[in-house]
Amino acid sequence: MVYFSYSIIGKLQLPHWYYEKGWIRRKIKTSGWKASLMVVTTVGHLAEKAWHHPDLTVSYAFVIVKLVTHSAKGITDKDFLLAKKIEDVVMWDAAETSQGVFEGTPDDPRFKYIKKET
């Protein structure tokens, strides 16, 4: 099923993803080039496992992920599901979700590589 622009907004339940020019998109801010490459590699792995390939814009301090189902020429459930998986994996905060099992990335700017949006 291809979704039309008016129904995409209601279906897109991820706060930092948005619809623009026929794509659902997310800009992930990073601390620099190494962090951007880590995001690209993670998104690449998830996309390959899903056999659904996003367009990426990679810069020093951010990565833009753009999703559309090319074969359907529009947004489908594949795009929403991959967006959710990308969000869950890339933005995972081990310290917040592991009930103390993981300490997570230290609260030190030298180690924070993903800039969380509130």
PDB file of N, CA and C in Angstrom:
ATOM      1  N   MET A   1       0.836  -1.180   0.000  1.00  0.00           N
ATOM      2  CA  MET A   1       0.000   0.000   0.000  1.00  0.00           C
ATOM      3  C   MET A   1       0.882   1.245   0.000  1.00  0.00           C
ATOM      4  N   VAL A   2       0.634   2.139  -0.915  1.00  0.00           N
ATOM      5  CA  VAL A   2       1.335   3.421  -0.965  1.00  0.00           C
ATOM      6  C   VAL A   2       0.490   4.442  -0.216  1.00  0.00           C
ATOM      7  N   TYR A   3       1.143   5.183   0.677  1.00  0.00           N
ATOM      8  CA  TYR A   3       0.447   6.195   1.462  1.00  0.00           C
ATOM      9  C   TYR A   3       0.536   7.538   0.759  1.00  0.00           C
ATOM     10  N   PHE A   4      -0.534   8.307   0.861  1.00  0.00           N
ATOM     11  CA  PHE A   4      -0.547   9.650   0.307  1.00  0.00           C
ATOM     12  C   PHE A   4      -0.079  10.639   1.372  1.00  0.00           C
ATOM     13  N   SER A   5       0.394  11.786   0.933  1.00  0.00           N
ATOM     14  CA  SER A   5       1.037  12.725   1.848  1.00  0.00           C
ATOM     15  C   SER A   5       0.186  13.056   3.070  1.00  0.00           C
ATOM     16  N   TYR A   6      -1.122  13.199   2.915  1.00  0.00           N
ATOM     17  CA  TYR A   6      -1.958  13.552   4.057  1.00  0.00           C
ATOM     18  C   TYR A   6      -2.019  12.427   5.091  1.00  0.00           C
ATOM     19  N   SER A   7      -1.872  11.165   4.676  1.00  0.00           N
ATOM     20  CA  SER A   7      -1.935  10.061   5.631  1.00  0.00           C
ATOM     21  C   SER A   7      -0.557   9.709   6.199  1.00  0.00           C
ATOM     22  N   ILE A   8       0.495  10.174   5.558  1.00  0.00           N
ATOM     23  CA  ILE A   8       1.854   9.887   6.031  1.00  0.00           C
ATOM     24  C   ILE A   8       2.096  10.566   7.370  1.00  0.00           C
ATOM     25  N   ILE A   9       1.666  11.791   7.492  1.00  0.00           N
ATOM     26  CA  ILE A   9       1.889  12.548   8.726  1.00  0.00           C
ATOM     27  C   ILE A   9       1.283  11.809   9.920  1.00  0.00           C
ATOM     28  N   GLY A  10       0.080  11.288   9.773  1.00  0.00           N
ATOM     29  CA  GLY A  10      -0.567  10.566  10.855  1.00  0.00           C
ATOM     30  C   GLY A  10       0.095   9.235  11.161  1.00  0.00           C
ATOM     31  N   LYS A  11       0.646   8.590  10.150  1.00  0.00           N
ATOM     32  CA  LYS A  11       1.263   7.275  10.336  1.00  0.00           C
ATOM     33  C   LYS A  11       2.688   7.392  10.873  1.00  0.00           C
ATOM     34  N   LEU A  12       3.342   8.499  10.618  1.00  0.00           N
ATOM     35  CA  LEU A  12       4.730   8.688  11.026  1.00  0.00           C
ATOM     36  C   LEU A  12       4.767   9.045  12.514  1.00  0.00           C
ATOM     37  N   GLN A  13       4.970   8.045  13.346  1.00  0.00           N
ATOM     38  CA  GLN A  13       4.908   8.200  14.801  1.00  0.00           C
ATOM     39  C   GLN A  13       6.270   8.453  15.431  1.00  0.00           C
ATOM     40  N   LEU A  14       7.249   8.822  14.650  1.00  0.00           N
ATOM     41  CA  LEU A  14       8.599   9.067  15.166  1.00  0.00           C
ATOM     42  C   LEU A  14       8.843  10.568  15.188  1.00  0.00           C
ATOM     43  N   PRO A  15       9.083  11.136  16.364  1.00  0.00           N
ATOM     44  CA  PRO A  15       9.096  12.591  16.486  1.00  0.00           C
ATOM     45  C   PRO A  15      10.146  13.331  15.658  1.00  0.00           C
ATOM     46  N   HIS A  16      11.278  12.726  15.361  1.00  0.00           N
ATOM     47  CA  HIS A  16      12.315  13.452  14.637  1.00  0.00           C
ATOM     48  C   HIS A  16      12.340  13.125  13.150  1.00  0.00           C
ATOM     49  N   TRP A  17      11.396  12.338  12.702  1.00  0.00           N
ATOM     50  CA  TRP A  17      11.237  12.030  11.279  1.00  0.00           C
ATOM     51  C   TRP A  17      10.158  12.944  10.730  1.00  0.00           C
ATOM     52  N   TYR A  18      10.294  13.321   9.469  1.00  0.00           N
ATOM     53  CA  TYR A  18       9.320  14.212   8.852  1.00  0.00           C
ATOM     54  C   TYR A  18       9.166  13.852   7.381  1.00  0.00           C
ATOM     55  N   TYR A  19       8.086  14.308   6.797  1.00  0.00           N
ATOM     56  CA  TYR A  19       7.795  14.063   5.390  1.00  0.00           C
ATOM     57  C   TYR A  19       8.154  15.316   4.593  1.00  0.00           C
ATOM     58  N   GLU A  20       8.905  15.121   3.513  1.00  0.00           N
ATOM     59  CA  GLU A  20       9.275  16.251   2.667  1.00  0.00           C
ATOM     60  C   GLU A  20       9.589  15.753   1.263  1.00  0.00           C
ATOM     61  N   LYS A  21       8.949  16.356   0.282  1.00  0.00           N
ATOM     62  CA  LYS A  21       9.209  16.094  -1.137  1.00  0.00           C
ATOM     63  C   LYS A  21       9.181  14.609  -1.491  1.00  0.00           C
ATOM     64  N   GLY A  22       8.183  13.884  -0.950  1.00  0.00           N
ATOM     65  CA  GLY A  22       7.989  12.498  -1.315  1.00  0.00           C
ATOM     66  C   GLY A  22       8.793  11.480  -0.524  1.00  0.00           C
ATOM     67  N   TRP A  23       9.537  11.917   0.476  1.00  0.00           N
ATOM     68  CA  TRP A  23      10.373  11.028   1.296  1.00  0.00           C
ATOM     69  C   TRP A  23      10.035  11.221   2.758  1.00  0.00           C
ATOM     70  N   ILE A  24      10.256  10.194   3.581  1.00  0.00           N
ATOM     71  CA  ILE A  24      10.322  10.441   5.024  1.00  0.00           C
ATOM     72  C   ILE A  24      11.806  10.558   5.353  1.00  0.00           C
ATOM     73  N   ARG A  25      12.114  11.499   6.224  1.00  0.00           N
ATOM     74  CA  ARG A  25      13.506  11.880   6.454  1.00  0.00           C
ATOM     75  C   ARG A  25      13.822  12.022   7.934  1.00  0.00           C
ATOM     76  N   ARG A  26      15.116  11.900   8.213  1.00  0.00           N
ATOM     77  CA  ARG A  26      15.621  12.123   9.581  1.00  0.00           C
ATOM     78  C   ARG A  26      17.036  12.647   9.470  1.00  0.00           C
ATOM     79  N   LYS A  27      17.314  13.755  10.136  1.00  0.00           N
ATOM     80  CA  LYS A  27      18.671  14.279  10.230  1.00  0.00           C
ATOM     81  C   LYS A  27      19.216  13.882  11.597  1.00  0.00           C
ATOM     82  N   ILE A  28      20.281  13.103  11.586  1.00  0.00           N
ATOM     83  CA  ILE A  28      20.915  12.649  12.821  1.00  0.00           C
ATOM     84  C   ILE A  28      22.182  13.470  13.018  1.00  0.00           C
ATOM     85  N   LYS A  29      22.212  14.261  14.077  1.00  0.00           N
ATOM     86  CA  LYS A  29      23.374  15.106  14.360  1.00  0.00           C
ATOM     87  C   LYS A  29      24.418  14.285  15.109  1.00  0.00           C
ATOM     88  N   THR A  30      25.673  14.450  14.701  1.00  0.00           N
ATOM     89  CA  THR A  30      26.760  13.696  15.312  1.00  0.00           C
ATOM     90  C   THR A  30      27.839  14.654  15.811  1.00  0.00           C
ATOM     91  N   SER A  31      28.840  14.084  16.474  1.00  0.00           N
ATOM     92  CA  SER A  31      29.936  14.898  17.006  1.00  0.00           C
ATOM     93  C   SER A  31      31.067  15.087  16.002  1.00  0.00           C
ATOM     94  N   GLY A  32      30.982  14.446  14.850  1.00  0.00           N
ATOM     95  CA  GLY A  32      32.047  14.599  13.865  1.00  0.00           C
ATOM     96  C   GLY A  32      32.089  13.456  12.874  1.00  0.00           C
ATOM     97  N   TRP A  33      33.118  13.457  12.064  1.00  0.00           N
ATOM     98  CA  TRP A  33      33.233  12.539  10.942  1.00  0.00           C
ATOM     99  C   TRP A  33      33.174  11.069  11.349  1.00  0.00           C
ATOM    100  N   LYS A  34      33.924  10.668  12.367  1.00  0.00           N
ATOM    101  CA  LYS A  34      33.911   9.263  12.799  1.00  0.00           C
ATOM    102  C   LYS A  34      32.508   8.839  13.220  1.00  0.00           C
ATOM    103  N   ALA A  35      31.828   9.691  13.942  1.00  0.00           N
ATOM    104  CA  ALA A  35      30.471   9.383  14.385  1.00  0.00           C
ATOM    105  C   ALA A  35      29.512   9.289  13.202  1.00  0.00           C
ATOM    106  N   SER A  36      29.661  10.178  12.233  1.00  0.00           N
ATOM    107  CA  SER A  36      28.821  10.111  11.028  1.00  0.00           C
ATOM    108  C   SER A  36      29.025   8.793  10.305  1.00  0.00           C
ATOM    109  N   LEU A  37      30.265   8.347  10.210  1.00  0.00           N
ATOM    110  CA  LEU A  37      30.545   7.066   9.556  1.00  0.00           C
ATOM    111  C   LEU A  37      29.947   5.897  10.337  1.00  0.00           C
ATOM    112  N   MET A  38      29.948   5.981  11.664  1.00  0.00           N
ATOM    113  CA  MET A  38      29.328   4.934  12.482  1.00  0.00           C
ATOM    114  C   MET A  38      27.829   4.866  12.206  1.00  0.00           C
ATOM    115  N   VAL A  39      27.179   6.010  12.081  1.00  0.00           N
ATOM    116  CA  VAL A  39      25.747   6.043  11.771  1.00  0.00           C
ATOM    117  C   VAL A  39      25.506   5.444  10.386  1.00  0.00           C
ATOM    118  N   VAL A  40      26.297   5.838   9.402  1.00  0.00           N
ATOM    119  CA  VAL A  40      26.136   5.326   8.046  1.00  0.00           C
ATOM    120  C   VAL A  40      26.288   3.805   8.014  1.00  0.00           C
ATOM    121  N   THR A  41      27.280   3.288   8.705  1.00  0.00           N
ATOM    122  CA  THR A  41      27.499   1.845   8.739  1.00  0.00           C
ATOM    123  C   THR A  41      26.322   1.128   9.391  1.00  0.00           C
ATOM    124  N   THR A  42      25.806   1.677  10.463  1.00  0.00           N
ATOM    125  CA  THR A  42      24.665   1.072  11.153  1.00  0.00           C
ATOM    126  C   THR A  42      23.427   1.086  10.268  1.00  0.00           C
ATOM    127  N   VAL A  43      23.130   2.226   9.661  1.00  0.00           N
ATOM    128  CA  VAL A  43      21.978   2.324   8.761  1.00  0.00           C
ATOM    129  C   VAL A  43      22.163   1.379   7.575  1.00  0.00           C
ATOM    130  N   GLY A  44      23.374   1.306   7.055  1.00  0.00           N
ATOM    131  CA  GLY A  44      23.649   0.403   5.942  1.00  0.00           C
ATOM    132  C   GLY A  44      23.388  -1.045   6.293  1.00  0.00           C
ATOM    133  N   HIS A  45      23.813  -1.453   7.479  1.00  0.00           N
ATOM    134  CA  HIS A  45      23.578  -2.828   7.921  1.00  0.00           C
ATOM    135  C   HIS A  45      22.082  -3.115   8.030  1.00  0.00           C
ATOM    136  N   LEU A  46      21.342  -2.230   8.680  1.00  0.00           N
ATOM    137  CA  LEU A  46      19.903  -2.436   8.844  1.00  0.00           C
ATOM    138  C   LEU A  46      19.189  -2.459   7.496  1.00  0.00           C
ATOM    139  N   ALA A  47      19.566  -1.556   6.611  1.00  0.00           N
ATOM    140  CA  ALA A  47      18.935  -1.497   5.289  1.00  0.00           C
ATOM    141  C   ALA A  47      19.218  -2.759   4.485  1.00  0.00           C
ATOM    142  N   GLU A  48      20.429  -3.247   4.552  1.00  0.00           N
ATOM    143  CA  GLU A  48      20.783  -4.457   3.814  1.00  0.00           C
ATOM    144  C   GLU A  48      20.014  -5.661   4.343  1.00  0.00           C
ATOM    145  N   LYS A  49      19.893  -5.764   5.676  1.00  0.00           N
ATOM    146  CA  LYS A  49      19.130  -6.864   6.257  1.00  0.00           C
ATOM    147  C   LYS A  49      17.659  -6.794   5.845  1.00  0.00           C
ATOM    148  N   ALA A  50      17.132  -5.578   5.685  1.00  0.00           N
ATOM    149  CA  ALA A  50      15.736  -5.396   5.278  1.00  0.00           C
ATOM    150  C   ALA A  50      15.574  -5.452   3.756  1.00  0.00           C
ATOM    151  N   TRP A  51      16.671  -5.386   3.050  1.00  0.00           N
ATOM    152  CA  TRP A  51      16.672  -5.292   1.580  1.00  0.00           C
ATOM    153  C   TRP A  51      15.805  -4.113   1.138  1.00  0.00           C
ATOM    154  N   HIS A  52      16.052  -2.989   1.802  1.00  0.00           N
ATOM    155  CA  HIS A  52      15.314  -1.748   1.530  1.00  0.00           C
ATOM    156  C   HIS A  52      16.317  -0.613   1.743  1.00  0.00           C
ATOM    157  N   HIS A  53      16.670   0.071   0.697  1.00  0.00           N
ATOM    158  CA  HIS A  53      17.865   0.920   0.737  1.00  0.00           C
ATOM    159  C   HIS A  53      17.551   2.412   0.691  1.00  0.00           C
ATOM    160  N   PRO A  54      17.926   3.122   1.760  1.00  0.00           N
ATOM    161  CA  PRO A  54      17.679   4.564   1.837  1.00  0.00           C
ATOM    162  C   PRO A  54      18.705   5.359   1.029  1.00  0.00           C
ATOM    163  N   ASP A  55      18.374   6.598   0.798  1.00  0.00           N
ATOM    164  CA  ASP A  55      19.345   7.558   0.297  1.00  0.00           C
ATOM    165  C   ASP A  55      19.941   8.244   1.523  1.00  0.00           C
ATOM    166  N   LEU A  56      21.246   8.449   1.498  1.00  0.00           N
ATOM    167  CA  LEU A  56      21.930   9.075   2.624  1.00  0.00           C
ATOM    168  C   LEU A  56      22.695  10.301   2.165  1.00  0.00           C
ATOM    169  N   THR A  57      22.670  11.326   2.971  1.00  0.00           N
ATOM    170  CA  THR A  57      23.536  12.484   2.805  1.00  0.00           C
ATOM    171  C   THR A  57      24.456  12.475   4.017  1.00  0.00           C
ATOM    172  N   VAL A  58      25.750  12.437   3.757  1.00  0.00           N
ATOM    173  CA  VAL A  58      26.720  12.313   4.845  1.00  0.00           C
ATOM    174  C   VAL A  58      27.576  13.561   4.890  1.00  0.00           C
ATOM    175  N   SER A  59      27.648  14.150   6.070  1.00  0.00           N
ATOM    176  CA  SER A  59      28.462  15.334   6.273  1.00  0.00           C
ATOM    177  C   SER A  59      29.293  15.136   7.534  1.00  0.00           C
ATOM    178  N   TYR A  60      30.136  16.097   7.807  1.00  0.00           N
ATOM    179  CA  TYR A  60      31.023  16.007   8.964  1.00  0.00           C
ATOM    180  C   TYR A  60      30.254  15.763  10.249  1.00  0.00           C
ATOM    181  N   ALA A  61      29.179  16.511  10.487  1.00  0.00           N
ATOM    182  CA  ALA A  61      28.503  16.440  11.780  1.00  0.00           C
ATOM    183  C   ALA A  61      27.030  16.047  11.685  1.00  0.00           C
ATOM    184  N   PHE A  62      26.635  15.409  10.591  1.00  0.00           N
ATOM    185  CA  PHE A  62      25.264  14.909  10.501  1.00  0.00           C
ATOM    186  C   PHE A  62      25.138  13.900   9.369  1.00  0.00           C
ATOM    187  N   VAL A  63      24.070  13.113   9.472  1.00  0.00           N
ATOM    188  CA  VAL A  63      23.676  12.178   8.416  1.00  0.00           C
ATOM    189  C   VAL A  63      22.185  12.385   8.194  1.00  0.00           C
ATOM    190  N   ILE A  64      21.784  12.549   6.945  1.00  0.00           N
ATOM    191  CA  ILE A  64      20.365  12.628   6.612  1.00  0.00           C
ATOM    192  C   ILE A  64      19.976  11.305   5.967  1.00  0.00           C
ATOM    193  N   VAL A  65      18.948  10.673   6.537  1.00  0.00           N
ATOM    194  CA  VAL A  65      18.413   9.424   6.005  1.00  0.00           C
ATOM    195  C   VAL A  65      17.099   9.752   5.309  1.00  0.00           C
ATOM    196  N   LYS A  66      16.962   9.299   4.060  1.00  0.00           N
ATOM    197  CA  LYS A  66      15.729   9.519   3.297  1.00  0.00           C
ATOM    198  C   LYS A  66      15.194   8.166   2.846  1.00  0.00           C
ATOM    199  N   LEU A  67      13.911   7.936   3.130  1.00  0.00           N
ATOM    200  CA  LEU A  67      13.294   6.658   2.789  1.00  0.00           C
ATOM    201  C   LEU A  67      12.095   6.835   1.871  1.00  0.00           C
ATOM    202  N   VAL A  68      12.034   5.988   0.858  1.00  0.00           N
ATOM    203  CA  VAL A  68      10.890   5.853  -0.040  1.00  0.00           C
ATOM    204  C   VAL A  68      10.995   4.450  -0.636  1.00  0.00           C
ATOM    205  N   THR A  69       9.880   3.869  -0.980  1.00  0.00           N
ATOM    206  CA  THR A  69       9.901   2.568  -1.650  1.00  0.00           C
ATOM    207  C   THR A  69       9.937   2.838  -3.147  1.00  0.00           C
ATOM    208  N   HIS A  70      11.119   2.707  -3.715  1.00  0.00           N
ATOM    209  CA  HIS A  70      11.316   3.059  -5.125  1.00  0.00           C
ATOM    210  C   HIS A  70      10.391   2.266  -6.039  1.00  0.00           C
ATOM    211  N   SER A  71      10.238   0.973  -5.784  1.00  0.00           N
ATOM    212  CA  SER A  71       9.417   0.123  -6.655  1.00  0.00           C
ATOM    213  C   SER A  71       7.941   0.529  -6.623  1.00  0.00           C
ATOM    214  N   ALA A  72       7.485   1.080  -5.516  1.00  0.00           N
ATOM    215  CA  ALA A  72       6.093   1.515  -5.387  1.00  0.00           C
ATOM    216  C   ALA A  72       5.928   2.989  -5.742  1.00  0.00           C
ATOM    217  N   LYS A  73       7.054   3.676  -5.928  1.00  0.00           N
ATOM    218  CA  LYS A  73       7.051   5.116  -6.223  1.00  0.00           C
ATOM    219  C   LYS A  73       6.315   5.914  -5.148  1.00  0.00           C
ATOM    220  N   GLY A  74       6.581   5.546  -3.887  1.00  0.00           N
ATOM    221  CA  GLY A  74       5.953   6.257  -2.783  1.00  0.00           C
ATOM    222  C   GLY A  74       6.329   5.654  -1.447  1.00  0.00           C
ATOM    223  N   ILE A  75       5.710   6.159  -0.399  1.00  0.00           N
ATOM    224  CA  ILE A  75       5.955   5.712   0.962  1.00  0.00           C
ATOM    225  C   ILE A  75       5.069   4.500   1.251  1.00  0.00           C
ATOM    226  N   THR A  76       5.679   3.443   1.773  1.00  0.00           N
ATOM    227  CA  THR A  76       4.936   2.228   2.138  1.00  0.00           C
ATOM    228  C   THR A  76       5.297   1.838   3.574  1.00  0.00           C
ATOM    229  N   ASP A  77       4.702   0.740   4.027  1.00  0.00           N
ATOM    230  CA  ASP A  77       5.014   0.245   5.369  1.00  0.00           C
ATOM    231  C   ASP A  77       6.494  -0.087   5.513  1.00  0.00           C
ATOM    232  N   LYS A  78       7.148  -0.474   4.428  1.00  0.00           N
ATOM    233  CA  LYS A  78       8.589  -0.762   4.484  1.00  0.00           C
ATOM    234  C   LYS A  78       9.355   0.443   5.015  1.00  0.00           C
ATOM    235  N   ASP A  79       8.967   1.624   4.570  1.00  0.00           N
ATOM    236  CA  ASP A  79       9.666   2.846   4.979  1.00  0.00           C
ATOM    237  C   ASP A  79       9.447   3.142   6.459  1.00  0.00           C
ATOM    238  N   PHE A  80       8.213   2.999   6.916  1.00  0.00           N
ATOM    239  CA  PHE A  80       7.924   3.247   8.329  1.00  0.00           C
ATOM    240  C   PHE A  80       8.645   2.246   9.228  1.00  0.00           C
ATOM    241  N   LEU A  81       8.652   0.980   8.829  1.00  0.00           N
ATOM    242  CA  LEU A  81       9.304  -0.050   9.646  1.00  0.00           C
ATOM    243  C   LEU A  81      10.816   0.131   9.695  1.00  0.00           C
ATOM    244  N   LEU A  82      11.425   0.465   8.550  1.00  0.00           N
ATOM    245  CA  LEU A  82      12.873   0.687   8.559  1.00  0.00           C
ATOM    246  C   LEU A  82      13.218   1.954   9.341  1.00  0.00           C
ATOM    247  N   ALA A  83      12.421   3.000   9.218  1.00  0.00           N
ATOM    248  CA  ALA A  83      12.647   4.222  10.001  1.00  0.00           C
ATOM    249  C   ALA A  83      12.620   3.908  11.498  1.00  0.00           C
ATOM    250  N   LYS A  84      11.663   3.117  11.926  1.00  0.00           N
ATOM    251  CA  LYS A  84      11.553   2.746  13.340  1.00  0.00           C
ATOM    252  C   LYS A  84      12.769   1.947  13.791  1.00  0.00           C
ATOM    253  N   LYS A  85      13.213   1.010  12.969  1.00  0.00           N
ATOM    254  CA  LYS A  85      14.383   0.200  13.326  1.00  0.00           C
ATOM    255  C   LYS A  85      15.636   1.081  13.398  1.00  0.00           C
ATOM    256  N   ILE A  86      15.807   1.987  12.447  1.00  0.00           N
ATOM    257  CA  ILE A  86      16.957   2.906  12.469  1.00  0.00           C
ATOM    258  C   ILE A  86      16.920   3.746  13.741  1.00  0.00           C
ATOM    259  N   GLU A  87      15.761   4.269  14.052  1.00  0.00           N
ATOM    260  CA  GLU A  87      15.615   5.100  15.254  1.00  0.00           C
ATOM    261  C   GLU A  87      15.962   4.290  16.508  1.00  0.00           C
ATOM    262  N   ASP A  88      15.421   3.086  16.601  1.00  0.00           N
ATOM    263  CA  ASP A  88      15.652   2.248  17.778  1.00  0.00           C
ATOM    264  C   ASP A  88      17.128   1.899  17.954  1.00  0.00           C
ATOM    265  N   VAL A  89      17.811   1.583  16.876  1.00  0.00           N
ATOM    266  CA  VAL A  89      19.199   1.128  16.986  1.00  0.00           C
ATOM    267  C   VAL A  89      20.165   2.301  17.117  1.00  0.00           C
ATOM    268  N   VAL A  90      20.076   3.286  16.236  1.00  0.00           N
ATOM    269  CA  VAL A  90      21.035   4.392  16.250  1.00  0.00           C
ATOM    270  C   VAL A  90      20.881   5.241  17.513  1.00  0.00           C
ATOM    271  N   MET A  91      19.669   5.459  17.954  1.00  0.00           N
ATOM    272  CA  MET A  91      19.444   6.340  19.092  1.00  0.00           C
ATOM    273  C   MET A  91      19.349   5.596  20.426  1.00  0.00           C
ATOM    274  N   TRP A  92      19.606   4.294  20.418  1.00  0.00           N
ATOM    275  CA  TRP A  92      19.540   3.484  21.644  1.00  0.00           C
ATOM    276  C   TRP A  92      20.471   4.055  22.699  1.00  0.00           C
ATOM    277  N   ASP A  93      19.956   4.215  23.888  1.00  0.00           N
ATOM    278  CA  ASP A  93      20.757   4.670  25.020  1.00  0.00           C
ATOM    279  C   ASP A  93      20.798   3.534  26.035  1.00  0.00           C
ATOM    280  N   ALA A  94      21.901   2.821  26.065  1.00  0.00           N
ATOM    281  CA  ALA A  94      22.023   1.628  26.904  1.00  0.00           C
ATOM    282  C   ALA A  94      21.791   1.930  28.372  1.00  0.00           C
ATOM    283  N   ALA A  95      22.291   3.057  28.834  1.00  0.00           N
ATOM    284  CA  ALA A  95      22.151   3.387  30.258  1.00  0.00           C
ATOM    285  C   ALA A  95      20.686   3.608  30.633  1.00  0.00           C
ATOM    286  N   GLU A  96      19.907   4.165  29.717  1.00  0.00           N
ATOM    287  CA  GLU A  96      18.503   4.461  30.013  1.00  0.00           C
ATOM    288  C   GLU A  96      17.607   3.233  29.939  1.00  0.00           C
ATOM    289  N   THR A  97      17.986   2.228  29.177  1.00  0.00           N
ATOM    290  CA  THR A  97      17.067   1.127  28.900  1.00  0.00           C
ATOM    291  C   THR A  97      17.500  -0.227  29.436  1.00  0.00           C
ATOM    292  N   SER A  98      18.627  -0.305  30.111  1.00  0.00           N
ATOM    293  CA  SER A  98      19.125  -1.626  30.506  1.00  0.00           C
ATOM    294  C   SER A  98      19.001  -1.912  32.001  1.00  0.00           C
ATOM    295  N   GLN A  99      18.260  -1.097  32.734  1.00  0.00           N
ATOM    296  CA  GLN A  99      18.076  -1.288  34.175  1.00  0.00           C
ATOM    297  C   GLN A  99      19.421  -1.476  34.890  1.00  0.00           C
ATOM    298  N   GLY A 100      20.419  -0.702  34.491  1.00  0.00           N
ATOM    299  CA  GLY A 100      21.700  -0.712  35.169  1.00  0.00           C
ATOM    300  C   GLY A 100      22.678  -1.771  34.706  1.00  0.00           C
ATOM    301  N   VAL A 101      22.296  -2.606  33.742  1.00  0.00           N
ATOM    302  CA  VAL A 101      23.216  -3.632  33.243  1.00  0.00           C
ATOM    303  C   VAL A 101      24.372  -2.981  32.492  1.00  0.00           C
ATOM    304  N   PHE A 102      24.053  -2.024  31.625  1.00  0.00           N
ATOM    305  CA  PHE A 102      25.076  -1.282  30.892  1.00  0.00           C
ATOM    306  C   PHE A 102      25.207   0.107  31.489  1.00  0.00           C
ATOM    307  N   GLU A 103      26.424   0.613  31.523  1.00  0.00           N
ATOM    308  CA  GLU A 103      26.602   1.982  32.020  1.00  0.00           C
ATOM    309  C   GLU A 103      26.361   3.011  30.929  1.00  0.00           C
ATOM    310  N   GLY A 104      26.462   2.597  29.676  1.00  0.00           N
ATOM    311  CA  GLY A 104      26.253   3.526  28.568  1.00  0.00           C
ATOM    312  C   GLY A 104      27.485   4.373  28.318  1.00  0.00           C
ATOM    313  N   THR A 105      27.418   5.168  27.283  1.00  0.00           N
ATOM    314  CA  THR A 105      28.521   6.054  26.925  1.00  0.00           C
ATOM    315  C   THR A 105      28.730   7.070  28.046  1.00  0.00           C
ATOM    316  N   PRO A 106      29.971   7.273  28.494  1.00  0.00           N
ATOM    317  CA  PRO A 106      30.212   8.231  29.582  1.00  0.00           C
ATOM    318  C   PRO A 106      29.669   9.623  29.263  1.00  0.00           C
ATOM    319  N   ASP A 107      29.226  10.317  30.303  1.00  0.00           N
ATOM    320  CA  ASP A 107      28.697  11.673  30.131  1.00  0.00           C
ATOM    321  C   ASP A 107      29.868  12.646  30.045  1.00  0.00           C
ATOM    322  N   ASP A 108      30.556  12.549  28.941  1.00  0.00           N
ATOM    323  CA  ASP A 108      31.758  13.340  28.693  1.00  0.00           C
ATOM    324  C   ASP A 108      31.748  13.680  27.201  1.00  0.00           C
ATOM    325  N   PRO A 109      31.884  14.943  26.838  1.00  0.00           N
ATOM    326  CA  PRO A 109      31.803  15.333  25.431  1.00  0.00           C
ATOM    327  C   PRO A 109      32.793  14.593  24.520  1.00  0.00           C
ATOM    328  N   ARG A 110      33.883  14.097  25.078  1.00  0.00           N
ATOM    329  CA  ARG A 110      34.850  13.371  24.258  1.00  0.00           C
ATOM    330  C   ARG A 110      34.280  12.057  23.742  1.00  0.00           C
ATOM    331  N   PHE A 111      33.266  11.521  24.422  1.00  0.00           N
ATOM    332  CA  PHE A 111      32.727  10.215  24.055  1.00  0.00           C
ATOM    333  C   PHE A 111      31.321  10.261  23.484  1.00  0.00           C
ATOM    334  N   LYS A 112      30.632  11.362  23.624  1.00  0.00           N
ATOM    335  CA  LYS A 112      29.272  11.482  23.095  1.00  0.00           C
ATOM    336  C   LYS A 112      29.357  11.682  21.583  1.00  0.00           C
ATOM    337  N   TYR A 113      28.878  10.729  20.825  1.00  0.00           N
ATOM    338  CA  TYR A 113      29.012  10.840  19.377  1.00  0.00           C
ATOM    339  C   TYR A 113      27.690  11.099  18.664  1.00  0.00           C
ATOM    340  N   ILE A 114      26.565  10.804  19.304  1.00  0.00           N
ATOM    341  CA  ILE A 114      25.264  11.142  18.753  1.00  0.00           C
ATOM    342  C   ILE A 114      24.709  12.278  19.583  1.00  0.00           C
ATOM    343  N   LYS A 115      24.243  13.326  18.915  1.00  0.00           N
ATOM    344  CA  LYS A 115      23.656  14.459  19.624  1.00  0.00           C
ATOM    345  C   LYS A 115      22.155  14.226  19.723  1.00  0.00           C
ATOM    346  N   LYS A 116      21.695  13.925  20.935  1.00  0.00           N
ATOM    347  CA  LYS A 116      20.289  13.641  21.152  1.00  0.00           C
ATOM    348  C   LYS A 116      19.466  14.916  21.062  1.00  0.00           C
ATOM    349  N   GLU A 117      18.342  14.786  20.385  1.00  0.00           N
ATOM    350  CA  GLU A 117      17.402  15.902  20.281  1.00  0.00           C
ATOM    351  C   GLU A 117      16.307  15.699  21.303  1.00  0.00           C
ATOM    352  N   THR A 118      15.886  16.764  21.896  1.00  0.00           N
ATOM    353  CA  THR A 118      14.821  16.654  22.895  1.00  0.00           C
ATOM    354  C   THR A 118      13.528  17.204  22.368  1.00  0.00           C
TER     355      THR A 118
END
